[in-house]
Each structure stands twice: as C-alpha cells, then as structure tokens.
C-alpha cells in the first residue's frame, strides 16, 4: 500500500530541500560577480540597489519590462525560508539534533538581520572640522523638499517632504501636499534623481520653465555627486507660481503668500541624531615616504544635554550609541593644504567654481596675492550692505556640488550673493574629518547570531566528541576482554 503525496507535503519538501539551498547559493554567487563588475562603471550604490536591494533583475523585451533573474532580496528571503523549514519542520527535534537546529536558527537570524537593515536603516555621513558641532547626518542619495517661512532668524521651523513621497513622480505625474500650517498647497512633479539645468534652446527635451531646461543626466557612480531635480507649483492662499528645483541650485525658490515670504528648497535628506558630536582633534599618519594614510583617527565629544563624553573613533573602532554607528571613513582636503588655483565664474547670484569640491559646512578662504578681489552682498534685516572679500574673510559652504557651492558667513547661515570675482584665485580649506553614519536597529544582531551559531556548533562538536569517546571506550573494553580470554 502506497501513501499519496499531498500538496502541502510537496510544498514543504521543495522549500526545505538541499537542492533549493544549492541553487540559491549559486544565484547569490553569480549576483556577487555581476554586481562587482557592474560597480566598476556605475558605483557601489547603484550596484547594491540593482543586484541586492531589489527582488528581480529586469530586462526590456519588446517594450515590456520583464523579470529575468532573482535578485538579492528574493534569494535571501527564500534562503531564510529554506533554513527555517529544513531546520525546524523537516528535521525531527531531539537531543541528537539539538545542535543542528540551533545552527539553523542562528543562520536564519543572521539573514533576518540583513533584511531588517535593508528595510529600516538610514545611511549618510558627517564631515566636521576641529571645534565644529554636528547634530544631523546627511544622506548621499536620498532627497527631501523643505518648506519654511523666510523670517531673517538664524533658526526656522521647516516642513519636510521625504524622498519616498515624491520619488515615484515621473514625467507629467503630480502629487499635492497640504498642511494646516501653510496658506497654500504644494504640487510636486517630474522628479529626476540625476538632473542638469541648461538655458532654454541649448538642447531639446526635459521640462522648460523660466528660460531653463530641467533634463535627465547620466548618473555619477558617486551618489553624492548627483543632483536631483523636480518641478514645484503652489496654489491657493491667493498665490500661484511654478518653478524648477535643482539639487545644486544656489538659493531656494522664494515667493509671497498670505502676506508672508516663503521658501521651498530641494536638498539631500538630513536625519536628526539623538546627540551632538564635536570634533576635538583629527590625526592622520602616513606610510613612511608616502602620502598614503596608514591610520587616521578622530577624538570627539559626544554631547547629550549637559553631559559630555570624550570618545576616540578610528579605523575598525566605530562609535556605537543610541542606535547609531559612526565609522571613521575619510578626511579632507586630501592634500591637507591649499587646493591650488581655481576659476570662478559669476552670473547673477550664481557662483560656479571649477577644479575643487567643497563639502557642506566647510570653512573656506578665497584670496589672491593682491588681497581684496571681490565683493559680496550681506542682507541684514532691514538693510543690505555690500562688503569686500579679503584674504581674512572666511565663508562656509552651504551645499556640495560638482561645479560650485553656496556661501555664507556662518555655518548654516543665509546665502551671500557674490557680486564680483575673477580667475586664478587660491582656495584654502580647513582640514576636516568624515564619518559614515548608519542608523540600524539590527546593528548587533549579526553578533548575536554568531553566538547562537557558535553555541549550536559547540553542541554538535561536544556531542560528537562524547560519542567518539564512548565508542573508543567500548572498543577498548572489548579488546581488553579478548586479551584476557586468550591468556586464560
């Protein structure tokens, strides 16, 4: 008499089979190879998003977008199910198999920690010069739209629209955003993750507005060098208007509504930290006779209210606190000195600089051999003063661009339009330290899973060792009895 195989048992057999595990591991091996090769031309972030942070690899076939290969999310999810089903349901749990079950649980927990990180983690960076304080970190690839009232105060209350709320708005797609704190509605459309702005007539395509084209541009392998763009429109409150927003724009778009002045800006997403961080000292050691760094470290002060704690962050020794992990990742400027001649091009209130890249919040001095070389316009509530730029004038970059940067007289201060400038000037930048930041609730989970796996392997090892010892003891006893029988 033969038993009939049921559908649930077939399903269970498929998802717990060794064959499925081998196929999934082979797929992950291929994804690792293809992702590494893809990274060479497209960068780490693009490779991670396409091969590991998605469910499938997609291919255009006859105008249709079809899934052609399982990506990292699919493989890891199925592998987790295989570990759980094969290790818990099909394997009979007993004292004999306890260690193997624990190992399966540890591996499944390790895979789960990666999935939680993928779905919940916030990643970005902080760059600090000595003596500076940071309370937020900035994403390299996520954007946000901020709306605030222009009051002339140092601090303002912002309304923030996060990246995920407008990132799916393709061409001619619009979404309305409202708030009881605003006298108008905001409409966002035509989002481009990598965009450029050109004068109208330079090229065809894109969105044309106010004499400019917002057009898609090839993405840079480094996410922080891409500038997003979109179209913003206001309606209601007796006001209407439409403008282009660009990640590298010099100043926010401002307009009047309800008798007040408002501003809308597109910038890299920022995340609040549960503490403040002040850089006290940065040290870099080079290999003898070379400019290549052998080690670099930062002494920082963690500030929570009135309490301060001195901490050292260095390679392979991050700061872990309050769900954040801060790694010592880089420093700047790379040559740790004057950056050399740069060319400045001034058109209206837009300043473009060629030959150098400045991180947001960095202090810079612009000078030449003759001292005064330019003037800038500083807006003080009720007045506007034109002042000279000298070698002693210190500015702070307000935004990072590949072609230029915004200027202010203090960190986070209002943008100062440059009225005149020239070429061949020296730009000198303060040394600074760069920290990669990850907010990850599952940060310690891989460590815990390793302890679980270690416990399972030790259980299996001890059981095998004790079994081997018992077997050898029995064999020795049998041998001794045989020897006694021969002598008798």
Protein backbone atom coordinates (compact mmCIF):
# COMPACT_ATOMS: atom_id res chain seq x y z
CA UNK A 1 0.00 0.00 0.00
CA UNK A 2 1.49 3.40 -1.05
CA UNK A 3 0.74 6.73 0.58
CA UNK A 4 -0.39 9.56 -1.66
CA UNK A 5 1.79 12.69 -1.57
CA UNK A 6 -0.25 15.75 -0.63
CA UNK A 7 0.24 19.30 -1.93
CA UNK A 8 1.38 20.68 1.48
CA UNK A 9 4.00 17.91 1.78
CA UNK A 10 5.29 18.70 -1.73
CA UNK A 11 5.45 22.37 -0.83
CA UNK A 12 7.29 21.53 2.37
CA UNK A 13 9.69 19.24 0.53
CA UNK A 14 10.51 21.90 -2.07
CA UNK A 15 11.24 24.72 0.37
CA UNK A 16 13.31 22.52 2.69
CA UNK A 17 15.35 20.71 0.06
CA UNK A 18 19.14 20.80 -0.23
CA UNK A 19 18.69 21.34 -3.96
CA UNK A 20 16.93 24.65 -3.42
CA UNK A 21 19.64 25.78 -1.00
CA UNK A 22 22.37 24.96 -3.55
CA UNK A 23 20.53 26.81 -6.35
CA UNK A 24 20.02 29.91 -4.16
CA UNK A 25 23.68 29.95 -3.07
CA UNK A 26 24.71 29.64 -6.73
CA UNK A 27 22.45 32.59 -7.61
CA UNK A 28 23.98 34.69 -4.83
CA UNK A 29 27.45 33.75 -6.12
CA UNK A 30 26.53 34.97 -9.63
CA UNK A 31 24.93 38.14 -8.25
CA UNK A 32 28.14 38.89 -6.35
CA UNK A 33 30.23 38.51 -9.51
CA UNK A 34 27.92 40.55 -11.75
CA UNK A 35 27.39 43.19 -9.03
CA UNK A 36 31.14 43.61 -8.57
CA UNK A 37 31.66 44.07 -12.32
CA UNK A 38 28.70 46.47 -12.50
CA UNK A 39 30.18 48.52 -9.67
CA UNK A 40 33.26 49.41 -11.74
CA UNK A 41 31.30 51.66 -14.12
CA UNK A 42 28.21 52.52 -12.07
CA UNK A 43 29.42 52.78 -8.48
CA UNK A 44 28.76 50.85 -5.27
CA UNK A 45 25.32 52.32 -4.53
CA UNK A 46 23.90 51.60 -7.99
CA UNK A 47 25.24 48.02 -7.90
CA UNK A 48 23.77 47.43 -4.45
CA UNK A 49 20.37 48.80 -5.44
CA UNK A 50 20.15 46.80 -8.65
CA UNK A 51 21.58 43.43 -7.63
CA UNK A 52 20.99 43.14 -3.89
CA UNK A 53 18.32 45.61 -2.72
CA UNK A 54 15.73 44.57 -5.33
CA UNK A 55 13.62 41.46 -5.86
CA UNK A 56 14.45 40.78 -9.52
CA UNK A 57 16.76 41.86 -12.32
CA UNK A 58 14.63 43.37 -15.08
CA UNK A 59 15.11 43.43 -18.85
CA UNK A 60 13.28 45.35 -21.56
CA UNK A 61 11.78 42.89 -24.07
CA UNK A 62 9.65 44.30 -26.88
CA UNK A 63 8.77 47.38 -24.86
CA UNK A 64 7.86 45.30 -21.80
CA UNK A 65 9.85 45.23 -18.58
CA UNK A 66 10.17 41.59 -17.52
CA UNK A 67 11.91 39.91 -14.56
CA UNK A 68 14.80 37.78 -15.83
CA UNK A 69 16.76 36.72 -12.74
CA UNK A 70 16.14 36.61 -8.97
CA UNK A 71 17.96 39.43 -7.18
CA UNK A 72 19.32 39.59 -3.65
CA UNK A 73 16.03 40.16 -1.80
CA UNK A 74 14.38 37.13 -3.44
CA UNK A 75 17.37 34.84 -2.89
CA UNK A 76 17.86 35.86 0.74
CA UNK A 77 14.15 35.53 1.55
CA UNK A 78 13.91 32.05 0.02
CA UNK A 79 17.16 31.01 1.69
CA UNK A 80 15.81 32.13 5.07
CA UNK A 81 12.65 30.08 4.48
CA UNK A 82 14.79 27.10 3.45
CA UNK A 83 16.81 27.35 6.67
CA UNK A 84 13.71 27.59 8.85
CA UNK A 85 11.63 24.92 7.10
CA UNK A 86 14.52 22.49 6.64
CA UNK A 87 15.96 23.04 10.10
CA UNK A 88 12.78 23.09 12.15
CA UNK A 89 9.91 21.38 10.36
CA UNK A 90 11.51 18.51 8.46
CA UNK A 91 14.26 17.80 10.97
CA UNK A 92 12.99 15.90 13.98
CA UNK A 93 13.88 17.95 17.03
CA UNK A 94 15.55 15.80 19.67
CA UNK A 95 18.64 15.75 21.86
CA UNK A 96 20.50 14.23 18.91
CA UNK A 97 19.65 17.07 16.52
CA UNK A 98 19.55 19.98 19.01
CA UNK A 99 22.85 21.49 17.85
CA UNK A 100 21.89 21.41 14.17
CA UNK A 101 18.57 23.09 14.95
CA UNK A 102 20.37 25.86 16.87
CA UNK A 103 22.77 26.40 13.93
CA UNK A 104 19.82 26.73 11.53
CA UNK A 105 18.17 29.27 13.86
CA UNK A 106 21.38 31.29 14.06
CA UNK A 107 21.81 31.42 10.29
CA UNK A 108 18.15 32.37 9.79
CA UNK A 109 18.55 35.13 12.41
CA UNK A 110 21.63 36.39 10.56
CA UNK A 111 19.67 36.60 7.30
CA UNK A 112 16.80 38.32 9.11
CA UNK A 113 19.16 40.99 10.46
CA UNK A 114 20.24 41.83 6.91
CA UNK A 115 16.62 42.11 5.81
CA UNK A 116 15.76 44.43 8.72
CA UNK A 117 18.76 46.63 7.91
CA UNK A 118 17.72 46.84 4.27
CA UNK A 119 14.20 47.97 5.15
CA UNK A 120 14.81 50.25 8.12
CA UNK A 121 18.38 51.63 8.09
CA UNK A 122 19.26 55.27 7.40
CA UNK A 123 22.73 55.88 5.96
CA UNK A 124 24.70 59.07 5.43
CA UNK A 125 27.77 60.97 6.51
CA UNK A 126 29.05 63.80 8.69
CA UNK A 127 32.05 65.98 7.87
CA UNK A 128 33.46 68.03 10.76
CA UNK A 129 36.34 70.46 11.16
CA UNK A 130 38.01 70.71 14.55
CA UNK A 131 35.83 72.60 17.01
CA UNK A 132 32.64 72.20 14.94
CA UNK A 133 29.47 70.53 16.24
CA UNK A 134 27.02 68.36 14.28
CA UNK A 135 23.55 67.22 15.30
CA UNK A 136 22.38 65.76 11.97
CA UNK A 137 23.84 63.50 9.31
CA UNK A 138 23.16 63.78 5.59
CA UNK A 139 22.20 61.12 3.06
CA UNK A 140 24.21 60.76 -0.13
CA UNK A 141 21.36 59.53 -2.35
CA UNK A 142 18.06 60.49 -0.71
CA UNK A 143 16.47 63.90 -1.18
CA UNK A 144 13.86 65.97 0.60
CA UNK A 145 11.82 69.08 -0.13
CA UNK A 146 11.67 71.64 2.67
CA UNK A 147 9.18 74.49 3.06
CA UNK A 148 9.80 77.31 5.53
CA UNK A 149 8.96 80.94 6.17
CA UNK A 150 11.72 83.47 5.48
CA UNK A 151 11.93 85.48 8.69
CA UNK A 152 15.60 86.52 8.86
CA UNK A 153 16.10 84.49 12.03
CA UNK A 154 19.02 82.11 12.49
CA UNK A 155 16.70 79.12 13.01
CA UNK A 156 13.41 78.40 11.27
CA UNK A 157 10.77 75.70 11.53
CA UNK A 158 10.72 73.54 8.40
CA UNK A 159 8.07 71.31 6.91
CA UNK A 160 9.80 68.36 5.23
CA UNK A 161 8.57 66.12 2.38
CA UNK A 162 10.64 62.92 2.41
CA UNK A 163 12.19 61.23 -0.61
CA UNK A 164 9.73 58.33 -0.75
CA UNK A 165 6.76 60.68 -1.06
CA UNK A 166 7.81 62.12 -4.43
CA UNK A 167 10.49 59.76 -5.85
CA UNK A 168 7.90 57.92 -7.99
CA UNK A 169 6.69 61.08 -9.74
CA UNK A 170 7.81 60.59 -13.33
CA UNK A 171 7.16 62.85 -16.28
CA UNK A 172 3.78 64.63 -16.15
CA UNK A 173 2.92 62.97 -12.80
CA UNK A 174 1.89 65.29 -9.97
CA UNK A 175 1.12 64.95 -6.29
CA UNK A 176 -0.47 67.51 -3.98
CA UNK A 177 0.83 68.18 -0.46
CA UNK A 178 -1.14 70.17 2.08
CA UNK A 179 -0.61 71.37 5.65
CA UNK A 180 -2.69 73.38 8.10
CA UNK A 181 0.43 75.47 8.77
CA UNK A 182 0.68 76.65 5.14
CA UNK A 183 -1.66 79.10 3.38
CA UNK A 184 -1.09 77.28 0.07
CA UNK A 185 -0.90 73.79 -1.41
CA UNK A 186 2.28 72.38 -2.86
CA UNK A 187 2.31 70.31 -6.07
CA UNK A 188 5.42 68.32 -6.98
CA UNK A 189 6.03 66.66 -10.34
CA UNK A 190 8.66 65.44 -12.84
CA UNK A 191 11.20 64.11 -10.35
CA UNK A 192 14.63 63.21 -11.79
CA UNK A 193 17.16 61.50 -9.49
CA UNK A 194 20.04 62.80 -11.62
CA UNK A 195 19.39 66.06 -13.45
CA UNK A 196 21.05 69.07 -15.02
CA UNK A 197 19.77 72.56 -15.76
CA UNK A 198 20.58 74.30 -19.05
CA UNK A 199 19.41 77.51 -20.71
CA UNK A 200 16.39 77.05 -22.94
CA UNK A 201 17.32 76.24 -26.52
CA UNK A 202 20.59 74.53 -25.63
CA UNK A 203 19.07 71.07 -26.03
CA UNK A 204 15.65 69.60 -26.63
CA UNK A 205 13.70 67.58 -24.09
CA UNK A 206 13.11 67.86 -20.39
CA UNK A 207 10.90 70.44 -18.71
CA UNK A 208 11.21 74.08 -19.78
CA UNK A 209 10.38 76.88 -17.35
CA UNK A 210 11.54 80.49 -16.96
CA UNK A 211 14.08 80.14 -19.74
CA UNK A 212 15.72 76.95 -18.40
CA UNK A 213 15.52 73.22 -19.18
CA UNK A 214 15.46 70.61 -16.42
CA UNK A 215 16.86 67.48 -18.08
CA UNK A 216 17.91 63.99 -17.04
CA UNK A 217 21.67 63.43 -16.90
CA UNK A 218 23.74 60.24 -16.71
CA UNK A 219 24.12 59.28 -13.03
CA UNK A 220 27.54 59.64 -11.47
CA UNK A 221 28.97 56.48 -9.82
CA UNK A 222 29.30 58.50 -6.60
CA UNK A 223 25.74 59.22 -5.33
CA UNK A 224 26.80 62.43 -3.56
CA UNK A 225 27.75 63.99 -6.89
CA UNK A 226 24.31 63.62 -8.45
CA UNK A 227 21.85 66.49 -8.30
CA UNK A 228 18.14 65.65 -8.33
CA UNK A 229 15.55 67.91 -9.90
CA UNK A 230 11.80 68.38 -9.93
CA UNK A 231 9.05 70.88 -10.68
CA UNK A 232 7.23 72.62 -7.81
CA UNK A 233 3.96 74.53 -8.04
CA UNK A 234 1.95 76.43 -5.43
CA UNK A 235 -1.77 77.14 -5.49
CA UNK A 236 -4.24 78.60 -3.02
CA UNK A 237 -3.94 81.36 -0.47
CA UNK A 238 -4.28 83.96 -3.20
CA UNK A 239 -0.97 82.91 -4.73
CA UNK A 240 0.18 80.75 -7.62
CA UNK A 241 3.52 80.02 -9.18
CA UNK A 242 5.73 77.37 -10.70
CA UNK A 243 9.49 76.82 -10.54
CA UNK A 244 12.28 74.32 -11.15
CA UNK A 245 14.10 72.92 -8.12
CA UNK A 246 17.60 71.55 -8.57
CA UNK A 247 19.88 69.95 -6.00
CA UNK A 248 22.79 72.24 -6.95
CA UNK A 249 20.80 75.46 -7.08
CA UNK A 250 22.32 78.45 -5.34
CA UNK A 251 19.29 79.55 -3.32
CA UNK A 252 15.79 78.25 -2.52
CA UNK A 253 12.79 79.38 -4.53
CA UNK A 254 11.06 82.21 -2.66
CA UNK A 255 7.57 83.67 -3.15
CA UNK A 256 4.86 85.69 -1.38
CA UNK A 257 1.74 84.07 0.04
CA UNK A 258 -0.66 85.21 2.74
CA UNK A 259 1.33 88.39 3.26
CA UNK A 260 4.48 86.44 4.16
CA UNK A 261 7.62 85.30 2.33
CA UNK A 262 8.13 81.56 1.92
CA UNK A 263 10.93 79.40 0.54
CA UNK A 264 11.00 75.91 -0.98
CA UNK A 265 14.27 74.01 -1.28
CA UNK A 266 15.43 70.64 -2.62
CA UNK A 267 18.35 69.18 -0.68
CA UNK A 268 19.93 65.91 0.44
CA UNK A 269 17.86 64.28 3.18
CA UNK A 270 19.00 65.03 6.72
CA UNK A 271 18.50 62.87 9.80
CA UNK A 272 18.49 64.09 13.38
CA UNK A 273 20.89 62.39 15.80
CA UNK A 274 19.97 61.73 19.46
CA UNK A 275 23.16 63.53 20.50
CA UNK A 276 25.56 66.22 19.30
CA UNK A 277 29.08 65.46 18.14
CA UNK A 278 32.03 67.86 18.40
CA UNK A 279 35.37 67.13 16.75
CA UNK A 280 38.23 67.91 19.13
CA UNK A 281 41.24 66.58 17.23
CA UNK A 282 41.90 64.76 13.94
CA UNK A 283 45.15 62.89 13.35
CA UNK A 284 46.45 61.19 10.20
CA UNK A 285 49.58 59.05 9.97
CA UNK A 286 51.11 58.35 6.55
CA UNK A 287 53.26 55.46 5.45
CA UNK A 288 56.96 56.44 5.52
CA UNK A 289 57.92 58.35 2.39
CA UNK A 290 54.36 58.24 1.03
CA UNK A 291 51.22 60.37 1.17
CA UNK A 292 49.04 57.26 1.63
CA UNK A 293 47.37 57.12 5.04
CA UNK A 294 48.49 54.34 7.37
CA UNK A 295 45.96 55.29 10.05
CA UNK A 296 43.62 58.15 10.84
CA UNK A 297 41.51 58.82 13.91
CA UNK A 298 39.29 61.44 15.47
CA UNK A 299 38.88 62.43 19.09
CA UNK A 300 35.28 63.61 19.51
CA UNK A 301 32.99 64.72 22.30
CA UNK A 302 29.51 63.23 22.50
CA UNK A 303 27.11 65.80 23.96
CA UNK A 304 23.75 64.83 25.50
CA UNK A 305 22.21 67.81 27.30
CA UNK A 306 24.76 68.96 29.88
CA UNK A 307 26.70 65.68 29.83
CA UNK A 308 29.82 65.35 27.68
CA UNK A 309 31.81 62.18 26.92
CA UNK A 310 35.19 62.05 25.17
CA UNK A 311 35.45 59.23 22.60
CA UNK A 312 38.03 58.15 20.01
CA UNK A 313 36.79 56.98 16.60
CA UNK A 314 39.28 55.26 14.32
CA UNK A 315 39.51 52.61 11.64
CA UNK A 316 37.78 49.39 12.78
CA UNK A 317 36.72 51.07 16.04
CA UNK A 318 33.42 52.88 15.38
CA UNK A 319 31.22 54.74 17.83
CA UNK A 320 28.05 52.80 18.65
CA UNK A 321 25.43 54.73 20.58
CA UNK A 322 21.64 55.16 20.66
CA UNK A 323 21.10 53.03 17.56
CA UNK A 324 23.75 54.89 15.51
CA UNK A 325 27.09 53.60 14.25
CA UNK A 326 29.71 56.19 13.23
CA UNK A 327 32.74 54.95 11.27
CA UNK A 328 35.90 56.90 10.55
CA UNK A 329 35.71 56.80 6.75
CA UNK A 330 37.74 59.65 5.27
CA UNK A 331 39.22 63.10 5.71
CA UNK A 332 39.82 66.23 3.71
CA UNK A 333 41.12 68.09 1.94
CA UNK A 334 43.07 65.16 0.52
CA UNK A 335 46.26 67.18 0.08
CA UNK A 336 45.80 68.80 3.52
CA UNK A 337 46.81 72.22 2.20
CA UNK A 338 45.97 74.90 -0.38
CA UNK A 339 43.93 73.41 -3.19
CA UNK A 340 45.73 75.36 -5.90
CA UNK A 341 44.38 77.80 -8.48
CA UNK A 342 40.65 77.66 -9.22
CA UNK A 343 38.48 79.51 -11.69
CA UNK A 344 35.35 81.34 -10.56
CA UNK A 345 32.51 82.22 -12.89
CA UNK A 346 29.85 84.62 -11.61
CA UNK A 347 26.48 85.06 -13.33
CA UNK A 348 23.92 86.98 -11.31
CA UNK A 349 23.66 85.35 -7.90
CA UNK A 350 25.07 82.01 -9.09
CA UNK A 351 28.67 81.13 -8.27
CA UNK A 352 30.36 78.23 -10.05
CA UNK A 353 33.79 77.01 -9.08
CA UNK A 354 35.81 74.63 -11.21
CA UNK A 355 38.61 72.35 -10.11
CA UNK A 356 37.58 71.68 -6.50
CA UNK A 357 34.78 70.15 -4.43
CA UNK A 358 33.75 71.53 -1.05
CA UNK A 359 31.65 69.62 1.48
CA UNK A 360 28.74 71.33 3.16
CA UNK A 361 29.67 73.29 6.28
CA UNK A 362 33.37 73.50 5.34
CA UNK A 363 35.20 76.73 6.04
CA UNK A 364 36.99 78.23 3.04
CA UNK A 365 39.10 81.33 2.42
CA UNK A 366 39.24 82.92 -1.01
CA UNK A 367 42.21 85.15 -1.73
CA UNK A 368 44.88 86.24 -4.20
CA UNK A 369 48.24 87.93 -3.96
CA UNK A 370 46.77 91.44 -4.02
CA UNK A 371 44.35 90.89 -1.13
CA UNK A 372 40.89 92.31 -1.88
CA UNK A 373 39.49 90.84 -5.06
CA UNK A 374 35.70 90.69 -4.80
CA UNK A 375 32.61 91.93 -3.03
CA UNK A 376 29.55 90.23 -1.60
CA UNK A 377 26.09 91.31 -0.59
CA UNK A 378 25.08 90.68 3.04
CA UNK A 379 21.41 91.02 3.85
CA UNK A 380 20.71 92.24 7.38
CA UNK A 381 17.05 92.65 8.49
CA UNK A 382 16.02 95.99 7.06
CA UNK A 383 19.27 96.71 5.22
CA UNK A 384 21.59 95.36 2.54
CA UNK A 385 25.32 96.02 2.77
CA UNK A 386 27.98 95.45 0.12
CA UNK A 387 31.28 94.35 1.65
CA UNK A 388 34.70 93.43 0.30
CA UNK A 389 36.18 89.96 0.30
CA UNK A 390 39.72 89.87 1.63
CA UNK A 391 42.18 87.14 2.49
CA UNK A 392 40.87 87.25 6.06
CA UNK A 393 37.25 86.62 5.07
CA UNK A 394 36.02 83.13 5.99
CA UNK A 395 33.00 81.62 4.24
CA UNK A 396 31.15 78.40 4.87
CA UNK A 397 29.88 76.15 2.09
CA UNK A 398 26.11 75.71 2.20
CA UNK A 399 25.86 72.87 -0.32
CA UNK A 400 28.10 70.39 -2.11
CA UNK A 401 28.20 70.44 -5.88
CA UNK A 402 30.49 69.17 -8.56
CA UNK A 403 30.68 72.63 -10.12
CA UNK A 404 30.22 75.07 -7.26
CA UNK A 405 28.94 75.78 -3.78
CA UNK A 406 26.83 78.22 -1.82
CA UNK A 407 28.49 80.70 0.52
CA UNK A 408 27.54 82.08 3.91
CA UNK A 409 29.38 83.90 6.69
CA UNK A 410 28.47 81.28 9.32
CA UNK A 411 27.62 77.61 9.34
CA UNK A 412 24.03 77.23 8.14
CA UNK A 413 23.68 80.97 7.63
CA UNK A 414 21.92 82.74 4.75
CA UNK A 415 23.44 82.56 1.28
CA UNK A 416 25.58 85.56 0.28
CA UNK A 417 25.43 86.51 -3.41
CA UNK A 418 28.90 87.22 -4.83
CA UNK A 419 28.79 90.43 -6.85
CA UNK A 420 32.24 90.35 -8.47
CA UNK A 421 35.08 87.89 -8.83
CA UNK A 422 37.94 86.89 -11.08
CA UNK A 423 40.06 83.90 -12.00
CA UNK A 424 43.29 82.37 -10.78
CA UNK A 425 42.47 82.75 -7.08
CA UNK A 426 43.67 80.41 -4.35
CA UNK A 427 41.13 78.46 -2.34
CA UNK A 428 42.26 77.20 1.06
CA UNK A 429 40.08 74.82 3.06
CA UNK A 430 40.11 73.81 6.71
CA UNK A 431 41.08 70.17 7.41
CA UNK A 432 38.08 68.05 8.34
CA UNK A 433 37.16 64.51 9.29
CA UNK A 434 34.44 62.44 7.59
CA UNK A 435 32.29 59.88 9.40
CA UNK A 436 29.97 57.40 7.73
CA UNK A 437 26.79 57.08 9.77
CA UNK A 438 24.28 54.21 9.88
CA UNK A 439 21.09 54.14 11.93
CA UNK A 440 20.34 50.43 12.20
CA UNK A 441 18.17 48.76 14.84
CA UNK A 442 19.67 45.38 13.89
CA UNK A 443 23.28 46.53 14.25
CA UNK A 444 24.14 43.98 16.97
CA UNK A 445 22.01 41.17 15.54
CA UNK A 446 24.82 39.65 13.41
CA UNK A 447 26.97 39.42 16.54
CA UNK A 448 24.13 37.72 18.44
CA UNK A 449 23.55 35.30 15.56
CA UNK A 450 27.24 34.39 15.57
CA UNK A 451 27.00 33.49 19.26
CA UNK A 452 23.90 31.37 18.52
CA UNK A 453 25.68 29.59 15.64
CA UNK A 454 28.76 29.08 17.84
CA UNK A 455 26.59 27.55 20.56
CA UNK A 456 25.00 25.19 18.03
CA UNK A 457 28.37 24.13 16.59
CA UNK A 458 29.78 23.58 20.08
CA UNK A 459 26.76 21.45 20.94
CA UNK A 460 27.30 19.30 17.84
CA UNK A 461 31.05 19.12 18.47
CA UNK A 462 30.71 18.15 22.15
CA UNK A 463 28.07 15.54 21.31
CA UNK A 464 30.30 14.06 18.58
CA UNK A 465 33.32 14.16 20.88
CA UNK A 466 31.48 12.42 23.71
CA UNK A 467 30.08 9.84 21.25
CA UNK A 468 33.58 9.20 19.90
CA UNK A 469 34.95 8.82 23.43
CA UNK A 470 32.21 6.35 24.36
CA UNK A 471 32.83 4.33 21.18
CA UNK A 472 36.56 4.23 21.82
CA UNK A 473 35.90 3.18 25.43
CA UNK A 474 33.70 0.30 24.31
CA UNK A 475 36.27 -0.82 21.75
CA UNK A 476 39.00 -0.68 24.36
CA UNK A 477 36.87 -2.74 26.77
CA UNK A 478 36.16 -5.33 24.07
CA UNK A 479 39.88 -5.51 23.28
CA UNK A 480 40.80 -5.97 26.94
CA UNK A 481 38.22 -8.78 27.32
CA UNK A 482 39.54 -10.53 24.21
CA UNK A 483 43.10 -10.31 25.53
CA UNK A 484 42.09 -11.80 28.88
CA UNK A 485 40.29 -14.68 27.09
CA UNK A 486 43.40 -15.52 25.08
CA UNK A 487 45.63 -15.55 28.19
CA UNK A 488 43.19 -17.83 30.05
